[in-house]
Protein backbone atom coordinates (compact mmCIF):
# COMPACT_ATOMS: atom_id res chain seq x y z
CA MET A 1 -22.79 4.70 -34.26
CA ASN A 2 -26.31 3.82 -33.08
CA ARG A 3 -26.82 1.76 -29.93
CA SER A 4 -28.11 -1.40 -31.60
CA LEU A 5 -25.17 -1.57 -34.03
CA PHE A 6 -22.72 -0.96 -31.16
CA SER A 7 -24.34 -3.83 -29.20
CA VAL A 8 -23.98 -6.22 -32.15
CA LEU A 9 -20.34 -5.32 -32.75
CA LEU A 10 -19.52 -5.62 -29.05
CA ALA A 11 -21.17 -9.06 -28.90
CA VAL A 12 -19.07 -10.22 -31.87
CA VAL A 13 -15.84 -8.96 -30.27
CA LEU A 14 -16.63 -10.63 -26.95
CA THR A 15 -17.59 -13.91 -28.62
CA ILE A 16 -14.33 -14.01 -30.59
CA SER A 17 -12.39 -13.27 -27.40
CA TYR A 18 -14.25 -16.05 -25.60
CA VAL A 19 -13.46 -18.61 -28.30
CA GLN A 20 -9.79 -17.62 -28.21
CA ALA A 21 -9.73 -18.10 -24.44
CA GLN A 22 -11.05 -21.65 -24.33
CA PRO A 23 -8.69 -24.46 -23.21
CA PRO A 24 -7.82 -27.29 -25.61
CA GLN A 25 -10.50 -29.97 -25.89
CA GLN A 26 -9.85 -33.58 -24.97
CA GLY A 27 -7.50 -35.13 -27.49
CA GLN A 28 -5.95 -31.82 -28.53
CA ALA A 29 -2.30 -31.12 -27.75
CA GLN A 30 -1.69 -28.91 -24.73
CA GLN A 31 0.12 -25.72 -25.65
CA PRO A 32 3.18 -24.54 -23.66
CA ARG A 33 2.32 -22.02 -20.98
CA ARG A 34 2.56 -18.41 -22.03
CA PHE A 35 3.29 -15.67 -19.50
CA HIS A 36 2.38 -12.02 -19.49
CA GLY A 37 5.08 -9.41 -19.23
CA GLN A 38 4.47 -6.08 -17.54
CA PHE A 39 1.23 -4.40 -18.56
CA VAL A 40 -1.48 -1.91 -17.63
CA GLU A 41 -4.96 -2.52 -19.02
CA HIS A 42 -6.78 0.82 -19.24
CA PHE A 43 -10.01 -0.61 -20.72
CA ASP A 44 -9.98 2.16 -23.32
CA ALA A 45 -11.03 0.03 -26.31
CA PRO A 46 -14.00 -2.26 -27.07
CA SER A 47 -11.91 -5.35 -26.18
CA SER A 48 -8.85 -6.02 -24.04
CA ARG A 49 -5.35 -7.02 -25.11
CA TYR A 50 -4.81 -8.89 -21.84
CA PHE A 51 -8.17 -10.23 -20.59
CA ASN A 52 -11.03 -12.27 -21.99
CA PRO A 53 -14.60 -12.16 -20.68
CA VAL A 54 -16.18 -15.36 -19.43
CA ILE A 55 -19.47 -15.83 -21.23
CA SER A 56 -21.86 -18.00 -19.26
CA ARG A 57 -25.26 -16.78 -20.39
CA THR A 58 -26.92 -15.90 -23.68
CA ARG A 59 -25.30 -13.75 -26.35
CA ASP A 60 -28.26 -11.41 -26.03
CA SER A 61 -27.02 -10.30 -22.61
CA LEU A 62 -23.34 -9.73 -23.48
CA HIS A 63 -23.50 -5.98 -23.96
CA ARG A 64 -25.38 -5.61 -20.68
CA ARG A 65 -22.77 -7.53 -18.67
CA TYR A 66 -19.54 -6.06 -20.09
CA LEU A 67 -19.13 -2.54 -21.43
CA GLN A 68 -15.57 -1.38 -22.12
CA GLY A 69 -14.04 1.83 -23.38
CA ILE A 70 -16.78 4.08 -21.97
CA PRO A 71 -16.49 7.05 -19.58
CA SER A 72 -17.15 6.50 -15.90
CA ILE A 73 -20.80 6.97 -15.03
CA SER A 74 -19.93 8.38 -11.59
CA ASP A 75 -16.57 10.18 -11.90
CA LYS A 76 -16.04 12.77 -14.64
CA GLU A 77 -12.26 12.62 -14.07
CA THR A 78 -12.15 8.94 -15.12
CA ASN A 79 -12.41 8.82 -18.89
CA SER A 80 -12.38 5.12 -19.75
CA ILE A 81 -13.58 2.11 -17.77
CA MET A 82 -14.96 -1.39 -17.97
CA LEU A 83 -18.51 -1.44 -16.61
CA MET A 84 -19.38 -4.91 -15.33
CA ARG A 85 -23.01 -5.61 -14.42
CA ILE A 86 -24.34 -8.37 -12.21
CA ASP A 87 -27.44 -10.12 -13.57
CA PRO A 88 -30.36 -10.69 -11.15
CA GLY A 89 -30.97 -13.96 -13.01
CA ASP A 90 -27.54 -15.40 -12.20
CA PRO A 91 -27.45 -18.39 -9.84
CA ALA A 92 -25.64 -17.88 -6.54
CA GLY A 93 -22.01 -18.87 -6.30
CA ALA A 94 -18.48 -17.78 -7.11
CA GLY A 95 -17.78 -17.65 -10.84
CA ARG A 96 -21.47 -17.56 -11.80
CA GLY A 97 -21.53 -13.88 -12.66
CA PRO A 98 -19.42 -11.78 -15.03
CA GLU A 99 -15.67 -12.44 -14.92
CA ILE A 100 -12.56 -11.49 -16.89
CA VAL A 101 -9.53 -13.79 -17.06
CA SER A 102 -5.99 -13.05 -18.25
CA ARG A 103 -5.13 -14.52 -21.65
CA ASP A 104 -1.78 -15.80 -20.33
CA PHE A 105 -0.38 -16.82 -16.95
CA THR A 106 1.02 -14.49 -14.31
CA HIS A 107 3.22 -15.32 -11.33
CA PHE A 108 5.31 -13.58 -8.68
CA GLY A 109 4.92 -9.85 -9.08
CA SER A 110 3.12 -6.66 -8.10
CA TYR A 111 -0.58 -6.42 -8.96
CA ALA A 112 -2.88 -3.41 -8.74
CA VAL A 113 -6.39 -2.32 -9.67
CA ARG A 114 -8.35 0.93 -9.51
CA LEU A 115 -12.07 0.31 -9.09
CA LYS A 116 -15.31 1.49 -7.54
CA VAL A 117 -18.05 -0.84 -6.32
CA ALA A 118 -21.77 -0.17 -6.57
CA ASP A 119 -23.49 1.84 -3.83
CA VAL A 120 -26.38 -0.37 -2.68
CA THR A 121 -26.68 0.62 0.98
CA LYS A 122 -29.91 2.58 0.46
CA VAL A 123 -31.42 0.57 -2.39
CA GLN A 124 -30.75 -2.98 -1.15
CA PRO A 125 -28.81 -2.97 2.15
CA ASP A 126 -28.97 -6.78 2.52
CA LEU A 127 -27.54 -7.52 -0.93
CA GLY A 128 -25.22 -10.53 -1.03
CA ALA A 129 -22.97 -9.33 -3.87
CA VAL A 130 -19.23 -10.01 -4.01
CA VAL A 131 -16.48 -8.39 -6.08
CA GLY A 132 -13.36 -10.54 -6.39
CA TYR A 133 -9.96 -9.31 -7.59
CA PHE A 134 -7.58 -12.25 -7.63
CA THR A 135 -5.35 -14.83 -9.23
CA TYR A 136 -6.66 -18.36 -9.61
CA THR A 137 -5.79 -21.72 -11.11
CA VAL A 138 -5.85 -25.32 -9.91
CA ASP A 139 -2.90 -27.45 -11.02
CA PRO A 140 -3.10 -31.25 -10.62
CA VAL A 141 0.46 -31.35 -9.21
CA TYR A 142 0.90 -28.02 -7.40
CA GLY A 143 -2.72 -27.46 -6.40
CA GLN A 144 -4.69 -24.25 -6.03
CA SER A 145 -2.92 -20.93 -6.59
CA GLU A 146 -5.11 -18.04 -5.46
CA VAL A 147 -4.32 -14.60 -4.04
CA ASP A 148 -7.37 -12.43 -3.50
CA TRP A 149 -9.13 -9.25 -2.55
CA GLU A 150 -12.88 -9.34 -1.95
CA TRP A 151 -15.52 -6.70 -1.31
CA LEU A 152 -18.92 -7.78 0.07
CA ILE A 153 -20.57 -4.59 -1.06
CA ALA A 154 -23.38 -4.51 1.50
CA ASP A 155 -20.73 -2.85 3.69
CA PRO A 156 -18.27 -0.95 1.47
CA GLU A 157 -15.99 -0.14 4.43
CA VAL A 158 -15.01 -3.81 4.93
CA LEU A 159 -12.19 -5.54 3.02
CA TYR A 160 -11.22 -9.21 2.75
CA ILE A 161 -7.70 -10.31 1.72
CA GLY A 162 -5.95 -13.66 1.68
CA THR A 163 -4.94 -16.78 -0.24
CA TRP A 164 -6.19 -20.26 -1.04
CA THR A 165 -3.77 -23.15 -1.56
CA GLY A 166 -3.81 -26.94 -1.41
CA VAL A 167 -3.45 -29.97 -3.65
CA ARG A 168 -6.88 -31.56 -3.99
CA PRO A 169 -8.73 -32.63 -1.89
CA HIS A 170 -7.17 -29.94 0.37
CA TYR A 171 -8.50 -26.36 0.54
CA ASN A 172 -6.36 -24.15 2.79
CA ARG A 173 -7.13 -20.53 3.64
CA ILE A 174 -5.16 -17.72 5.22
CA GLY A 175 -6.97 -14.39 5.47
CA ARG A 176 -7.49 -11.02 7.11
CA THR A 177 -10.76 -9.06 7.41
CA LEU A 178 -10.66 -5.37 8.25
CA ASN A 179 -12.56 -2.10 8.23
CA MET A 180 -10.63 0.51 6.26
CA ALA A 181 -12.70 3.44 7.57
CA THR A 182 -11.92 2.69 11.22
CA GLY A 183 -8.72 0.65 10.96
CA GLN A 184 -10.31 -2.21 12.91
CA ILE A 185 -8.91 -5.67 12.18
CA TYR A 186 -11.67 -8.21 12.73
CA SER A 187 -9.61 -11.34 12.12
CA THR A 188 -6.23 -12.57 10.85
CA SER A 189 -6.55 -16.32 10.66
CA TRP A 190 -6.04 -19.64 8.94
CA ARG A 191 -8.04 -22.83 8.53
CA ALA A 192 -7.52 -26.13 6.72
CA GLY A 193 -10.20 -27.90 4.73
CA THR A 194 -10.89 -30.91 2.53
CA ASN A 195 -13.53 -31.83 -0.01
CA VAL A 196 -14.10 -35.57 -0.30
CA GLY A 197 -17.02 -36.86 -2.31
CA GLY A 198 -18.57 -33.41 -2.40
CA VAL A 199 -18.51 -33.09 1.40
CA GLN A 200 -16.45 -30.07 2.46
CA THR A 201 -15.10 -29.80 6.00
CA PHE A 202 -12.89 -27.16 7.66
CA THR A 203 -10.99 -26.90 10.90
CA GLU A 204 -11.84 -24.09 13.30
CA ARG A 205 -10.21 -20.76 12.48
CA GLU A 206 -6.91 -20.20 14.27
CA GLN A 207 -5.64 -16.65 14.78
CA PHE A 208 -2.19 -15.60 13.63
CA THR A 209 0.10 -13.93 16.16
CA GLY A 210 3.56 -12.35 16.14
CA GLU A 211 5.35 -11.89 12.83
CA ASP A 212 2.51 -13.39 10.78
CA ASN A 213 0.06 -10.83 12.21
CA GLN A 214 1.71 -7.65 10.92
CA PRO A 215 0.89 -4.87 11.05
CA GLU A 216 -1.09 -5.29 14.25
CA THR A 217 -2.73 -1.90 13.74
CA ILE A 218 -3.77 -0.21 10.50
CA GLN A 219 -3.93 3.47 9.68
CA PRO A 220 -7.56 4.13 8.62
CA ILE A 221 -8.55 6.26 5.67
CA GLU A 222 -11.00 8.87 6.91
CA GLY A 223 -14.38 8.46 5.26
CA PHE A 224 -13.30 5.34 3.35
CA ASN A 225 -16.14 3.84 1.35
CA ALA A 226 -15.36 1.62 -1.62
CA SER A 227 -18.60 2.72 -3.31
CA SER A 228 -18.11 6.47 -2.92
CA GLN A 229 -15.05 6.88 -5.15
CA PHE A 230 -12.31 5.00 -6.97
CA TYR A 231 -9.48 3.55 -4.87
CA THR A 232 -6.28 1.76 -5.87
CA TYR A 233 -5.74 -1.65 -4.28
CA GLY A 234 -2.88 -4.09 -4.75
CA PHE A 235 -0.73 -6.96 -3.59
CA ASP A 236 2.87 -8.07 -3.97
CA TRP A 237 3.36 -11.82 -4.37
CA TYR A 238 6.73 -13.36 -3.47
CA PRO A 239 7.66 -17.03 -2.98
CA ASP A 240 7.99 -16.49 0.78
CA ARG A 241 5.93 -13.37 1.47
CA MET A 242 2.60 -11.70 0.65
CA ILE A 243 1.87 -7.97 1.03
CA TRP A 244 -1.57 -6.42 0.53
CA TRP A 245 -1.84 -2.63 0.32
CA ILE A 246 -4.02 0.34 -0.61
CA ILE A 247 -3.09 3.81 -1.88
CA HIS A 248 -4.35 6.74 0.21
CA PRO A 249 -6.41 8.88 -2.21
CA VAL A 250 -5.10 12.20 -0.83
CA THR A 251 -1.53 11.62 0.34
CA GLU A 252 -0.83 8.82 -2.19
CA GLU A 253 0.83 6.92 0.66
CA ARG A 254 0.96 3.15 0.27
CA ILE A 255 -0.75 1.74 3.38
CA ILE A 256 0.20 -1.84 4.22
CA LEU A 257 -2.82 -3.90 5.24
CA TRP A 258 -1.09 -7.24 5.81
CA ASP A 259 2.58 -8.17 5.50
CA TYR A 260 2.49 -11.95 5.74
CA LYS A 261 5.84 -13.76 5.93
CA GLY A 262 4.66 -17.30 6.64
CA VAL A 263 6.89 -17.78 9.67
CA VAL A 264 4.80 -20.63 11.06
CA GLU A 265 3.96 -23.75 9.03
CA VAL A 266 0.19 -23.74 9.47
CA PHE A 267 -0.35 -26.54 6.93
CA PRO A 268 2.49 -28.97 7.81
CA GLY A 269 3.27 -31.69 5.31
CA GLN A 270 1.54 -29.91 2.43
CA LEU A 271 3.12 -28.45 -0.68
CA SER A 272 2.34 -24.90 0.51
CA PRO A 273 2.83 -25.25 4.30
CA HIS A 274 2.73 -21.48 4.86
CA GLY A 275 -0.28 -20.82 2.63
CA ILE A 276 1.70 -18.85 0.02
CA PRO A 277 0.91 -20.13 -3.50
CA PRO A 278 4.07 -21.36 -5.27
CA ASN A 279 2.76 -21.92 -8.80
CA PRO A 280 1.70 -19.64 -11.69
CA SER A 281 -1.91 -18.58 -12.00
CA ARG A 282 -4.40 -16.62 -14.08
CA TYR A 283 -5.19 -12.99 -13.27
CA ARG A 284 -8.92 -12.32 -12.80
CA LEU A 285 -11.72 -10.07 -11.64
CA ASN A 286 -15.31 -11.18 -11.08
CA TYR A 287 -18.68 -10.10 -9.72
CA TRP A 288 -21.22 -12.53 -8.28
CA HIS A 289 -23.76 -13.04 -5.55
CA THR A 290 -23.74 -15.28 -2.50
CA ASN A 291 -26.60 -16.83 -0.56
CA ASN A 292 -24.51 -18.04 2.39
CA TRP A 293 -21.65 -15.58 3.04
CA PRO A 294 -22.83 -12.35 4.71
CA VAL A 295 -20.46 -9.43 5.22
CA GLN A 296 -18.79 -9.19 8.64
CA THR A 297 -21.11 -6.41 9.86
CA ASN A 298 -24.49 -7.58 8.51
CA PRO A 299 -25.62 -11.21 8.98
CA ASN A 300 -28.65 -10.61 6.72
CA SER A 301 -26.67 -9.63 3.62
CA ILE A 302 -27.28 -12.70 1.44
CA GLU A 303 -30.07 -11.44 -0.82
CA ALA A 304 -29.96 -11.99 -4.57
CA PRO A 305 -29.62 -8.74 -6.54
CA LEU A 306 -32.84 -6.98 -7.49
CA PHE A 307 -31.18 -4.85 -10.17
CA PRO A 308 -28.12 -5.11 -12.48
CA TYR A 309 -25.82 -3.10 -10.20
CA GLY A 310 -22.67 -1.84 -11.91
CA LEU A 311 -19.01 -2.29 -11.00
CA GLU A 312 -16.58 0.26 -12.51
CA ILE A 313 -12.99 -0.82 -13.25
CA ASP A 314 -10.60 1.94 -14.31
CA TRP A 315 -7.45 -0.14 -14.84
CA MET A 316 -5.60 -3.32 -13.85
CA SER A 317 -1.82 -3.75 -13.85
CA TYR A 318 0.82 -6.44 -13.43
CA THR A 319 4.58 -6.06 -12.95
CA PRO A 320 6.34 -9.45 -12.84
CA PHE A 321 9.30 -10.13 -10.56
CA GLU A 322 11.34 -11.49 -13.45
CA ASP A 323 14.26 -12.96 -11.47
CA LEU A 324 11.98 -14.84 -9.09
CA ASN A 325 9.84 -16.18 -11.91
CA ARG A 326 12.87 -17.26 -13.93
CA ALA A 327 14.30 -19.09 -10.92
CA TYR A 328 10.98 -20.90 -10.36
CA GLN A 329 10.74 -21.99 -13.98
CA GLU A 330 14.31 -23.28 -14.00
CA GLN A 331 13.65 -25.30 -10.86
CA ASN A 332 10.35 -26.72 -12.10
CA ARG A 333 10.99 -27.69 -15.70
């Protein structure tokens, strides 16, 4: 198949997927929520059974932003990936670059991804690009439900993990920032925020201690660099606990990065007082650039991308905790 014909067919597939993913328009009946069962998306076909691409720019650019079912361009052992490209013409801000979103809802369960970020340290060391692997929805009753991993790829040794919760106008964050190559934990903190009339304010960050700051030390992975090879990252989401972890590429040991139990009510009086999202969400991965959030180790890293740097995603998986999800649905009918 020649390249131009492949591009046309891929654009058609992505456009159909996009139309299928759109929410009902005003006046249309809302459909009952559908939930994913256990799955692994290997990105080994032109379109996904479980995710839809978000299409925010012209159809002409579709095949440049999402390529699926192709071999890895950097690892000959990885036979099939999704290649996601950031567009230098994208405006700054979360959700303004390429993104894939689960067709149905997900909830309590174990999530994992194997990916490799772009190596930009020599080409554009002050790049302000962000990779987000996360769940996200905002419910008018239960508020924001977000569990996330983020890579600010100007420093591929640094990892960001945490959650966002809060019924609007509240925006509440718990998070940990760490260096996986050294094991250094920069911060394990929480802060409360509001957005009223477009004016967003946050309290000062408060540091977690004791049981909510576990583990207090992290075993580093020698030579860790998220842009040098594929790594497997994940999180386990429970009603009363969050665990973020990474798989050691040699020993295959599961290294716990944060085991958060929500012992202290850091957001008293709110629906999620511990900062653990209670409600179902959508499973996502995105790639965007920031003009105001530099990586921990480089205050200058807020430049817009000069080139369409690629993100390689090998697979994404979800294993629901069926008993916990069933109990939630019975209690919240």
